[in-house]
Amino acid sequence: MATILVTTSTFPRWADDTLPARFVFDLSLQMAQHHQVIVLAPHAPGAAHHETLNGLDVWRFPYFRPHRLQALCNGGGILPAIRSGLLPKCQVPFLFLNQLFWLNRMVRRFRVDLINSHWMIPQGFTTALLKKRFPGIPHLLTVHSSDVHTLRRLPGGGVAGRFIVNSADRVVTVSRFLHRTLENLVGKEVDSQIMPMGVNTAAFTRQIDRNAYFQKHGIANKLTILYVGKLIEVKGVSTLIQAMKQVRATCDAQLLIAGAGVLQGELEREVQMLSLNEHVRFLGLFPHDHLADLYNVCDVVVIPSIVTDRNETEGMPTVILEAMAAGRPVVASDVGGISDVVVDTQNGFLVPPKDPQALADRLICALDPDVAAPMRDQVQKTAHRYDWQQVGQVYDEIIRDLTSQKI
C-alpha cells in the first residue's frame, strides 16, 4: 500500500459542500480503497484546516491573512475568482508560495510515495519545483482543462508547461482534445493516458415518483430540460436560454437550472427579457446526494458549453456521465472532449456551440419519447464504461507501476 499525496485547488470545503466540483474527491475515495491517501488543498473561510472527510485525511493550507479574506479558492474556480476583482488577483503569488511550502512540509511529514497533482497550475508547477528537491518521489500529473488554457495565454506559458510535463513521471488528460491542446502548448508529443473523471453509476440509477417529486418542490409536471453546473461563461447557459424561447414555440417544456455562479443575475435578467419567467427556474445549488433524483425526473439533460473569446472550453464535464448513469439522453455542444463520450444520435446529440436554433432543434428531438427511449441502453452502457471503479483501476495500475519503480 502506497502513501499518495493528492494536491488540488478544487475540493469540498466541508461535508455536503455543493459548490465545488467533486471529481477529485471521488477519485481520492477510489484510490483510498487500495492506498493511504492524503489530500492537500487551499483553505477557504469556514473550512477546517485539518479533518477526516469520508475517511480521507484532508489538510487545507492557508495562503492569505487574514484567512477570512482568502478569495481565490472558495469553490467557484480560480479563474472566475481572478476575474472578479483585484483582491483575488493579488493572492495568486501567495497561493503558489504557500502551496510549495506545504507540499514540502507534507512530503517530509508523511514519507509520501507518490504525488498526484490536479491541474498544471498551481499544483503541477509547485510539484515540479518540489521534484528538484525530492527526485525520487514519482509525480502523476492529471490535466483537466482550464490549466492548459491559462498557460496558453500567459507569457512563457509554453516554457512553464514543458517544465511541468517534463517533471511528471506519468500524465493523465481527461480528453483527446485536451491531449492535443497540451501537445500544442508544450511543442512536443506527450505520452498521456486519456481518461475522463468518472461517475458512481449506482448512485444515479434509481426510480423516482416524478409527480410526487415535482409536487413536493412546487415544479410543474411537464416536459423538463435540466442543466446542472456553474453559471459561468464557458458553460454557455445564455445560449441555452435563447434556445428555450424556440423550444417553447414548439412544445410545452420547462428548463430547470441547478447551479450558481457569477453570471446568475445576468442570466435571470435575460430570462425576464425573453418573457420566460414561468418556464425557466433557477434552483440554486443542489446537494450532490439529491442530484440523482433531479436527473431521474427530467426528460433530457443539456450541456450547452461554448468556446469563449479567450479560446477556453470544457475538458469533459462529469455532468454528462451522471446524466447517462440515470439513463437520460444528453444534448451537448461539440466542444472540447465532449465528443469522446457523446456519439451523435447513438447515446445523445451533439450541436455546434453558440447556436440557439441548432440547440433548440435537438432538444425538441430529445424530448420525443420515441427518439429518447431506444437510446437508453446505450446511454447507460456508456456511463458504466466510466464508472469510478473503472477509472480507479486505471489510476491504481499507474500508481503501482510508478511506486514499484521508485528510487
Protein backbone atom coordinates (compact mmCIF):
# COMPACT_ATOMS: atom_id res chain seq x y z
CA MET A 1 0.00 0.00 0.00
CA ALA A 2 1.46 3.34 -1.09
CA THR A 3 1.07 6.73 0.58
CA ILE A 4 -0.43 9.07 -2.03
CA LEU A 5 -0.45 12.86 -1.65
CA VAL A 6 -3.24 14.37 -3.77
CA THR A 7 -2.79 18.09 -4.35
CA THR A 8 -5.67 20.07 -5.80
CA SER A 9 -7.25 23.53 -5.78
CA THR A 10 -10.83 22.20 -6.13
CA PHE A 11 -12.14 20.10 -3.26
CA PRO A 12 -15.19 20.11 -0.97
CA ARG A 13 -14.70 22.68 1.76
CA TRP A 14 -16.78 20.64 4.20
CA ALA A 15 -19.15 17.67 4.20
CA ASP A 16 -22.11 18.18 1.82
CA ASP A 17 -20.44 21.18 0.14
CA THR A 18 -22.45 21.77 -3.03
CA LEU A 19 -20.40 24.44 -4.82
CA PRO A 20 -17.07 22.97 -6.00
CA ALA A 21 -16.80 20.11 -8.44
CA ARG A 22 -16.19 16.87 -6.51
CA PHE A 23 -14.40 14.66 -9.01
CA VAL A 24 -11.01 14.93 -7.26
CA PHE A 25 -12.77 13.98 -4.03
CA ASP A 26 -14.43 10.97 -5.69
CA LEU A 27 -11.17 9.85 -7.30
CA SER A 28 -9.38 10.17 -3.96
CA LEU A 29 -12.04 7.97 -2.33
CA GLN A 30 -11.48 5.38 -5.05
CA MET A 31 -7.69 5.43 -4.59
CA ALA A 32 -8.15 5.15 -0.82
CA GLN A 33 -9.57 1.66 -1.28
CA HIS A 34 -6.03 0.45 -2.03
CA HIS A 35 -3.71 3.13 -0.67
CA GLN A 36 -3.30 5.68 2.08
CA VAL A 37 -4.49 8.98 0.59
CA ILE A 38 -3.68 12.42 1.99
CA VAL A 39 -5.27 15.45 0.35
CA LEU A 40 -3.69 18.92 0.29
CA ALA A 41 -5.98 21.75 -0.81
CA PRO A 42 -6.14 25.53 -0.23
CA HIS A 43 -8.06 26.67 2.83
CA ALA A 44 -11.35 28.55 2.44
CA PRO A 45 -13.17 30.69 5.00
CA GLY A 46 -15.32 28.48 7.19
CA ALA A 47 -13.45 25.28 6.36
CA ALA A 48 -11.44 23.16 8.79
CA HIS A 49 -7.67 23.31 8.42
CA HIS A 50 -7.43 19.58 9.06
CA GLU A 51 -10.15 16.94 9.15
CA THR A 52 -11.07 13.42 8.16
CA LEU A 53 -13.65 13.59 5.36
CA ASN A 54 -15.25 10.28 4.40
CA GLY A 55 -12.12 8.55 5.62
CA LEU A 56 -9.74 10.87 3.71
CA ASP A 57 -7.03 12.73 5.61
CA VAL A 58 -7.63 16.29 4.37
CA TRP A 59 -5.27 19.21 5.01
CA ARG A 60 -6.16 22.75 3.92
CA PHE A 61 -3.32 25.25 3.89
CA PRO A 62 -3.89 28.99 4.44
CA TYR A 63 -2.49 31.21 1.72
CA PHE A 64 -3.51 34.72 2.78
CA ARG A 65 -4.08 36.62 6.02
CA PRO A 66 -6.49 37.34 7.49
CA HIS A 67 -7.97 33.98 6.49
CA ARG A 68 -11.45 35.43 6.08
CA LEU A 69 -10.17 37.42 3.08
CA GLN A 70 -8.98 34.36 1.17
CA ALA A 71 -10.84 34.72 -2.12
CA LEU A 72 -9.14 32.52 -4.73
CA CYS A 73 -10.30 29.03 -3.85
CA ASN A 74 -13.81 29.34 -2.47
CA GLY A 75 -15.49 26.71 -4.60
CA GLY A 76 -16.31 28.67 -7.74
CA GLY A 77 -13.00 28.12 -9.52
CA ILE A 78 -9.76 30.09 -9.54
CA LEU A 79 -10.20 31.72 -12.96
CA PRO A 80 -13.68 33.19 -12.23
CA ALA A 81 -12.31 34.39 -8.89
CA ILE A 82 -9.32 36.11 -10.51
CA ARG A 83 -11.64 37.87 -12.96
CA SER A 84 -13.94 39.04 -10.19
CA GLY A 85 -11.68 41.66 -8.67
CA LEU A 86 -8.28 42.92 -7.54
CA LEU A 87 -8.06 41.09 -4.21
CA PRO A 88 -8.08 37.56 -5.71
CA LYS A 89 -5.51 38.62 -8.32
CA CYS A 90 -3.17 39.84 -5.57
CA GLN A 91 -3.44 36.49 -3.79
CA VAL A 92 -2.10 34.39 -6.71
CA PRO A 93 1.62 34.56 -5.78
CA PHE A 94 0.77 33.84 -2.13
CA LEU A 95 -1.14 30.73 -3.24
CA PHE A 96 1.88 29.44 -5.18
CA LEU A 97 4.38 30.13 -2.41
CA ASN A 98 2.27 28.69 0.39
CA GLN A 99 1.39 25.61 -1.63
CA LEU A 100 5.07 24.92 -2.29
CA PHE A 101 5.83 25.36 1.42
CA TRP A 102 3.05 22.97 2.44
CA LEU A 103 3.96 20.41 -0.23
CA ASN A 104 7.48 20.28 1.18
CA ARG A 105 6.10 20.00 4.71
CA MET A 106 3.67 17.18 3.83
CA VAL A 107 6.30 15.17 1.95
CA ARG A 108 8.66 15.34 4.88
CA ARG A 109 6.00 14.55 7.46
CA PHE A 110 4.27 11.60 5.79
CA ARG A 111 7.05 9.97 3.74
CA VAL A 112 4.96 10.24 0.60
CA ASP A 113 5.41 7.55 -2.08
CA LEU A 114 3.71 9.45 -4.93
CA ILE A 115 2.20 12.87 -5.60
CA ASN A 116 -0.91 13.15 -7.78
CA SER A 117 -1.31 16.80 -8.79
CA HIS A 118 -4.54 18.03 -10.36
CA TRP A 119 -4.26 20.96 -12.78
CA MET A 120 -0.91 22.10 -14.15
CA ILE A 121 -1.07 25.37 -12.24
CA PRO A 122 -0.56 25.89 -9.48
CA GLN A 123 -0.41 22.24 -8.35
CA GLY A 124 1.59 20.75 -11.23
CA PHE A 125 4.05 23.64 -11.21
CA THR A 126 4.71 23.53 -7.46
CA THR A 127 5.08 19.75 -7.59
CA ALA A 128 7.56 20.12 -10.45
CA LEU A 129 9.60 22.52 -8.29
CA LEU A 130 9.44 20.09 -5.39
CA LYS A 131 10.75 17.29 -7.61
CA LYS A 132 14.04 19.16 -7.85
CA ARG A 133 14.48 18.53 -4.14
CA PHE A 134 12.84 15.10 -3.96
CA PRO A 135 13.59 13.48 -7.35
CA GLY A 136 12.76 10.01 -6.06
CA ILE A 137 9.06 10.77 -5.48
CA PRO A 138 7.01 9.96 -8.62
CA HIS A 139 4.76 12.71 -9.95
CA LEU A 140 1.42 11.71 -11.50
CA LEU A 141 0.00 14.80 -13.24
CA THR A 142 -3.72 14.99 -14.05
CA VAL A 143 -4.56 17.70 -16.60
CA HIS A 144 -8.16 18.94 -16.69
CA SER A 145 -8.79 21.94 -18.96
CA SER A 146 -8.60 25.46 -17.53
CA ASP A 147 -4.96 24.91 -16.58
CA VAL A 148 -3.87 24.37 -20.18
CA HIS A 149 -5.97 27.26 -21.49
CA THR A 150 -4.49 29.57 -18.85
CA LEU A 151 -0.91 28.62 -19.72
CA ARG A 152 -1.63 29.21 -23.42
CA ARG A 153 -2.38 32.86 -22.65
CA LEU A 154 0.48 33.53 -20.25
CA PRO A 155 3.85 34.85 -21.44
CA GLY A 156 6.22 31.93 -21.17
CA GLY A 157 3.33 29.54 -20.70
CA GLY A 158 4.80 27.03 -23.13
CA VAL A 159 8.10 27.00 -21.25
CA ALA A 160 6.29 26.52 -17.95
CA GLY A 161 4.16 23.79 -19.49
CA ARG A 162 7.22 21.87 -20.71
CA PHE A 163 8.83 22.20 -17.27
CA ILE A 164 5.71 20.75 -15.62
CA VAL A 165 5.27 17.92 -18.14
CA ASN A 166 8.97 17.03 -18.04
CA SER A 167 8.76 16.72 -14.26
CA ALA A 168 5.87 14.27 -14.45
CA ASP A 169 6.52 10.55 -14.42
CA ARG A 170 3.05 9.97 -15.88
CA VAL A 171 0.42 12.30 -17.35
CA VAL A 172 -3.34 11.78 -17.47
CA THR A 173 -5.54 14.06 -19.61
CA VAL A 174 -9.32 13.97 -19.40
CA SER A 175 -9.94 14.03 -23.17
CA ARG A 176 -8.29 13.57 -26.54
CA PHE A 177 -8.92 17.23 -27.35
CA LEU A 178 -7.09 18.29 -24.19
CA HIS A 179 -4.22 15.95 -25.02
CA ARG A 180 -3.81 17.63 -28.41
CA THR A 181 -4.06 21.07 -26.82
CA LEU A 182 -1.40 20.13 -24.27
CA GLU A 183 0.96 18.94 -27.03
CA ASN A 184 0.44 22.22 -28.89
CA LEU A 185 1.22 24.13 -25.70
CA VAL A 186 4.49 22.35 -24.92
CA GLY A 187 5.54 21.93 -28.54
CA LYS A 188 6.21 18.21 -28.40
CA GLU A 189 4.49 14.83 -28.17
CA VAL A 190 3.24 13.94 -24.70
CA ASP A 191 2.83 10.33 -23.64
CA SER A 192 -0.51 10.66 -21.90
CA GLN A 193 -3.18 8.29 -20.59
CA ILE A 194 -6.54 9.66 -21.72
CA MET A 195 -9.16 9.08 -19.05
CA PRO A 196 -12.12 11.31 -18.08
CA MET A 197 -13.09 11.67 -14.46
CA GLY A 198 -15.66 9.06 -13.51
CA VAL A 199 -19.17 8.59 -12.16
CA ASN A 200 -20.73 6.47 -9.44
CA THR A 201 -23.27 4.78 -11.70
CA ALA A 202 -25.10 3.02 -8.88
CA ALA A 203 -25.78 6.33 -7.11
CA PHE A 204 -27.54 7.80 -10.15
CA THR A 205 -29.65 4.78 -11.07
CA ARG A 206 -32.92 4.93 -9.14
CA GLN A 207 -36.70 5.00 -9.51
CA ILE A 208 -38.38 8.29 -8.56
CA ASP A 209 -42.08 9.16 -8.41
CA ARG A 210 -41.88 12.07 -10.82
CA ASN A 211 -45.29 13.54 -9.98
CA ALA A 212 -44.65 13.41 -6.22
CA TYR A 213 -41.18 14.92 -6.66
CA PHE A 214 -42.42 17.87 -8.71
CA GLN A 215 -45.33 18.43 -6.36
CA LYS A 216 -43.03 18.44 -3.32
CA HIS A 217 -40.75 21.06 -4.89
CA GLY A 218 -43.51 23.16 -6.45
CA ILE A 219 -42.41 22.43 -10.00
CA ALA A 220 -44.81 21.93 -12.89
CA ASN A 221 -45.01 18.31 -14.07
CA LYS A 222 -44.33 18.68 -17.77
CA LEU A 223 -41.55 18.08 -20.26
CA THR A 224 -38.38 19.01 -18.40
CA ILE A 225 -34.92 20.04 -19.62
CA LEU A 226 -32.22 20.03 -16.95
CA TYR A 227 -28.98 21.99 -16.75
CA VAL A 228 -26.52 21.20 -13.93
CA GLY A 229 -23.35 23.22 -13.47
CA LYS A 230 -21.73 26.52 -12.68
CA LEU A 231 -23.19 29.71 -14.12
CA ILE A 232 -20.03 30.92 -15.79
CA GLU A 233 -19.22 31.95 -19.34
CA VAL A 234 -17.70 28.71 -20.64
CA LYS A 235 -20.87 26.78 -19.74
CA GLY A 236 -22.92 28.62 -22.40
CA VAL A 237 -26.13 28.98 -20.38
CA SER A 238 -27.06 32.18 -22.24
CA THR A 239 -27.25 30.18 -25.48
CA LEU A 240 -29.49 27.69 -23.71
CA ILE A 241 -31.89 30.39 -22.52
CA GLN A 242 -32.12 31.76 -26.06
CA ALA A 243 -32.83 28.23 -27.32
CA MET A 244 -35.64 27.86 -24.78
CA LYS A 245 -37.57 30.64 -26.49
CA GLN A 246 -37.58 28.50 -29.64
CA VAL A 247 -38.30 25.26 -27.78
CA ARG A 248 -41.35 26.88 -26.18
CA ALA A 249 -42.69 27.77 -29.61
CA THR A 250 -42.94 24.05 -30.40
CA CYS A 251 -43.65 22.23 -27.12
CA ASP A 252 -44.73 22.85 -23.55
CA ALA A 253 -41.35 22.38 -21.88
CA GLN A 254 -39.59 23.90 -18.90
CA LEU A 255 -35.93 24.42 -18.06
CA LEU A 256 -34.54 23.71 -14.60
CA ILE A 257 -31.14 25.22 -13.81
CA ALA A 258 -29.29 23.65 -10.88
CA GLY A 259 -26.19 25.63 -10.05
CA ALA A 260 -24.80 29.03 -9.14
CA GLY A 261 -22.13 31.39 -10.34
CA VAL A 262 -21.09 34.91 -11.20
CA LEU A 263 -23.46 35.15 -14.19
CA GLN A 264 -26.66 34.25 -12.34
CA GLY A 265 -28.00 37.82 -12.14
CA GLU A 266 -27.29 38.43 -15.82
CA LEU A 267 -28.96 35.17 -16.82
CA GLU A 268 -32.03 35.91 -14.70
CA ARG A 269 -32.38 39.26 -16.45
CA GLU A 270 -32.12 37.51 -19.82
CA VAL A 271 -34.91 35.11 -18.83
CA GLN A 272 -37.08 38.06 -17.88
CA MET A 273 -36.31 39.93 -21.08
CA LEU A 274 -37.38 36.90 -23.15
CA SER A 275 -40.58 36.50 -21.08
CA LEU A 276 -39.54 33.03 -19.95
CA ASN A 277 -40.05 33.58 -16.22
CA GLU A 278 -42.73 30.90 -15.96
CA HIS A 279 -40.72 28.37 -17.95
CA VAL A 280 -37.15 28.73 -16.61
CA ARG A 281 -36.48 28.08 -12.95
CA PHE A 282 -33.21 28.68 -11.11
CA LEU A 283 -32.95 26.03 -8.40
CA GLY A 284 -29.66 27.22 -6.94
CA LEU A 285 -27.07 24.83 -5.57
CA PHE A 286 -28.28 21.27 -5.17
CA PRO A 287 -26.75 18.82 -2.65
CA HIS A 288 -24.87 16.19 -4.62
CA ASP A 289 -26.81 13.38 -2.98
CA HIS A 290 -30.05 14.93 -4.28
CA LEU A 291 -28.84 15.42 -7.85
CA ALA A 292 -29.65 11.82 -8.73
CA ASP A 293 -33.33 12.48 -8.00
CA LEU A 294 -33.24 15.54 -10.24
CA TYR A 295 -31.63 13.65 -13.12
CA ASN A 296 -34.22 10.89 -12.84
CA VAL A 297 -37.27 13.18 -13.05
CA CYS A 298 -36.10 15.18 -16.05
CA ASP A 299 -36.55 14.20 -19.71
CA VAL A 300 -33.25 15.44 -21.12
CA VAL A 301 -30.01 16.92 -19.79
CA VAL A 302 -28.31 19.72 -21.67
CA ILE A 303 -24.65 20.78 -21.71
CA PRO A 304 -24.53 23.96 -23.86
CA SER A 305 -20.79 24.64 -23.44
CA ILE A 306 -19.03 27.16 -25.67
CA VAL A 307 -15.56 28.21 -26.75
CA THR A 308 -15.00 31.65 -25.23
CA ASP A 309 -13.30 34.61 -26.88
CA ARG A 310 -10.23 33.63 -24.85
CA ASN A 311 -10.36 30.23 -26.60
CA GLU A 312 -11.30 28.44 -23.37
CA THR A 313 -13.62 25.45 -23.37
CA GLU A 314 -14.55 22.31 -21.44
CA GLY A 315 -12.44 19.26 -20.77
CA MET A 316 -15.11 16.57 -20.32
CA PRO A 317 -17.93 17.62 -17.95
CA THR A 318 -18.84 14.87 -15.47
CA VAL A 319 -22.47 16.02 -15.70
CA ILE A 320 -22.64 14.07 -18.95
CA LEU A 321 -21.76 10.80 -17.24
CA GLU A 322 -24.10 11.48 -14.32
CA ALA A 323 -26.99 12.05 -16.72
CA MET A 324 -26.13 8.91 -18.67
CA ALA A 325 -25.94 6.86 -15.47
CA ALA A 326 -29.52 7.97 -14.83
CA GLY A 327 -30.45 6.82 -18.34
CA ARG A 328 -31.17 10.31 -19.62
CA PRO A 329 -30.40 11.47 -23.16
CA VAL A 330 -27.87 14.27 -23.40
CA VAL A 331 -27.80 17.23 -25.77
CA ALA A 332 -24.31 18.74 -25.68
CA SER A 333 -22.14 21.17 -27.60
CA ASP A 334 -19.46 19.58 -29.74
CA VAL A 335 -16.54 21.24 -27.97
CA GLY A 336 -13.52 20.07 -26.01
CA GLY A 337 -13.61 16.43 -25.01
CA ILE A 338 -17.38 16.00 -25.09
CA SER A 339 -17.31 14.00 -28.34
CA ASP A 340 -15.05 11.44 -26.61
CA VAL A 341 -18.15 10.27 -24.76
CA VAL A 342 -21.20 11.55 -26.66
CA VAL A 343 -21.70 9.89 -30.05
CA ASP A 344 -24.26 11.86 -32.04
CA THR A 345 -27.64 10.09 -32.39
CA GLN A 346 -26.35 6.96 -30.61
CA ASN A 347 -26.14 7.92 -26.94
CA GLY A 348 -27.01 11.60 -27.24
CA PHE A 349 -26.90 14.58 -29.56
CA LEU A 350 -24.07 16.94 -30.47
CA VAL A 351 -24.70 20.51 -31.62
CA PRO A 352 -22.46 23.41 -32.70
CA PRO A 353 -21.66 25.80 -29.82
CA LYS A 354 -23.37 29.21 -29.61
CA ASP A 355 -26.15 28.09 -31.97
CA PRO A 356 -29.54 28.52 -30.22
CA GLN A 357 -31.51 27.20 -33.19
CA ALA A 358 -29.49 24.00 -33.51
CA LEU A 359 -29.67 23.51 -29.74
CA ALA A 360 -33.44 24.04 -29.74
CA ASP A 361 -33.95 21.59 -32.63
CA ARG A 362 -32.00 18.83 -30.85
CA LEU A 363 -33.72 19.47 -27.53
CA ILE A 364 -37.11 19.12 -29.19
CA CYS A 365 -35.94 15.90 -30.80
CA ALA A 366 -34.60 14.52 -27.50
CA LEU A 367 -37.89 15.33 -25.74
CA ASP A 368 -39.68 12.91 -28.07
CA PRO A 369 -40.02 9.58 -26.19
CA ASP A 370 -39.89 7.65 -29.46
CA VAL A 371 -36.43 9.09 -30.06
CA ALA A 372 -35.09 9.00 -26.48
CA ALA A 373 -36.29 5.56 -25.35
CA PRO A 374 -34.24 3.49 -27.83
CA MET A 375 -31.08 5.31 -26.66
CA ARG A 376 -31.48 4.35 -23.01
CA ASP A 377 -29.48 1.10 -23.07
CA GLN A 378 -26.59 2.66 -24.99
CA VAL A 379 -26.62 5.70 -22.70
CA GLN A 380 -26.25 3.58 -19.57
CA LYS A 381 -23.63 1.31 -21.16
CA THR A 382 -21.55 4.41 -21.86
CA ALA A 383 -21.79 5.53 -18.24
CA HIS A 384 -20.70 2.12 -16.97
CA ARG A 385 -17.52 2.34 -19.07
CA TYR A 386 -16.53 5.33 -16.95
CA ASP A 387 -17.71 4.08 -13.57
CA TRP A 388 -15.33 5.13 -10.79
CA GLN A 389 -14.28 1.53 -10.38
CA GLN A 390 -13.02 1.52 -13.97
CA VAL A 391 -11.30 4.91 -13.63
CA GLY A 392 -9.87 3.95 -10.25
CA GLN A 393 -8.41 0.78 -11.72
CA VAL A 394 -6.54 2.83 -14.33
CA TYR A 395 -5.10 5.09 -11.63
CA ASP A 396 -4.25 2.11 -9.41
CA GLU A 397 -2.29 0.47 -12.21
CA ILE A 398 -0.35 3.71 -12.80
CA ILE A 399 0.33 4.14 -9.09
CA ARG A 400 1.55 0.57 -8.66
CA ASP A 401 3.77 0.87 -11.72
CA LEU A 402 5.33 4.18 -10.58
CA THR A 403 5.81 3.23 -6.94
CA SER A 404 7.40 -0.08 -7.89
CA GLN A 405 9.98 1.92 -9.86
CA LYS A 406 10.53 4.46 -7.08
CA ILE A 407 14.17 5.22 -6.42
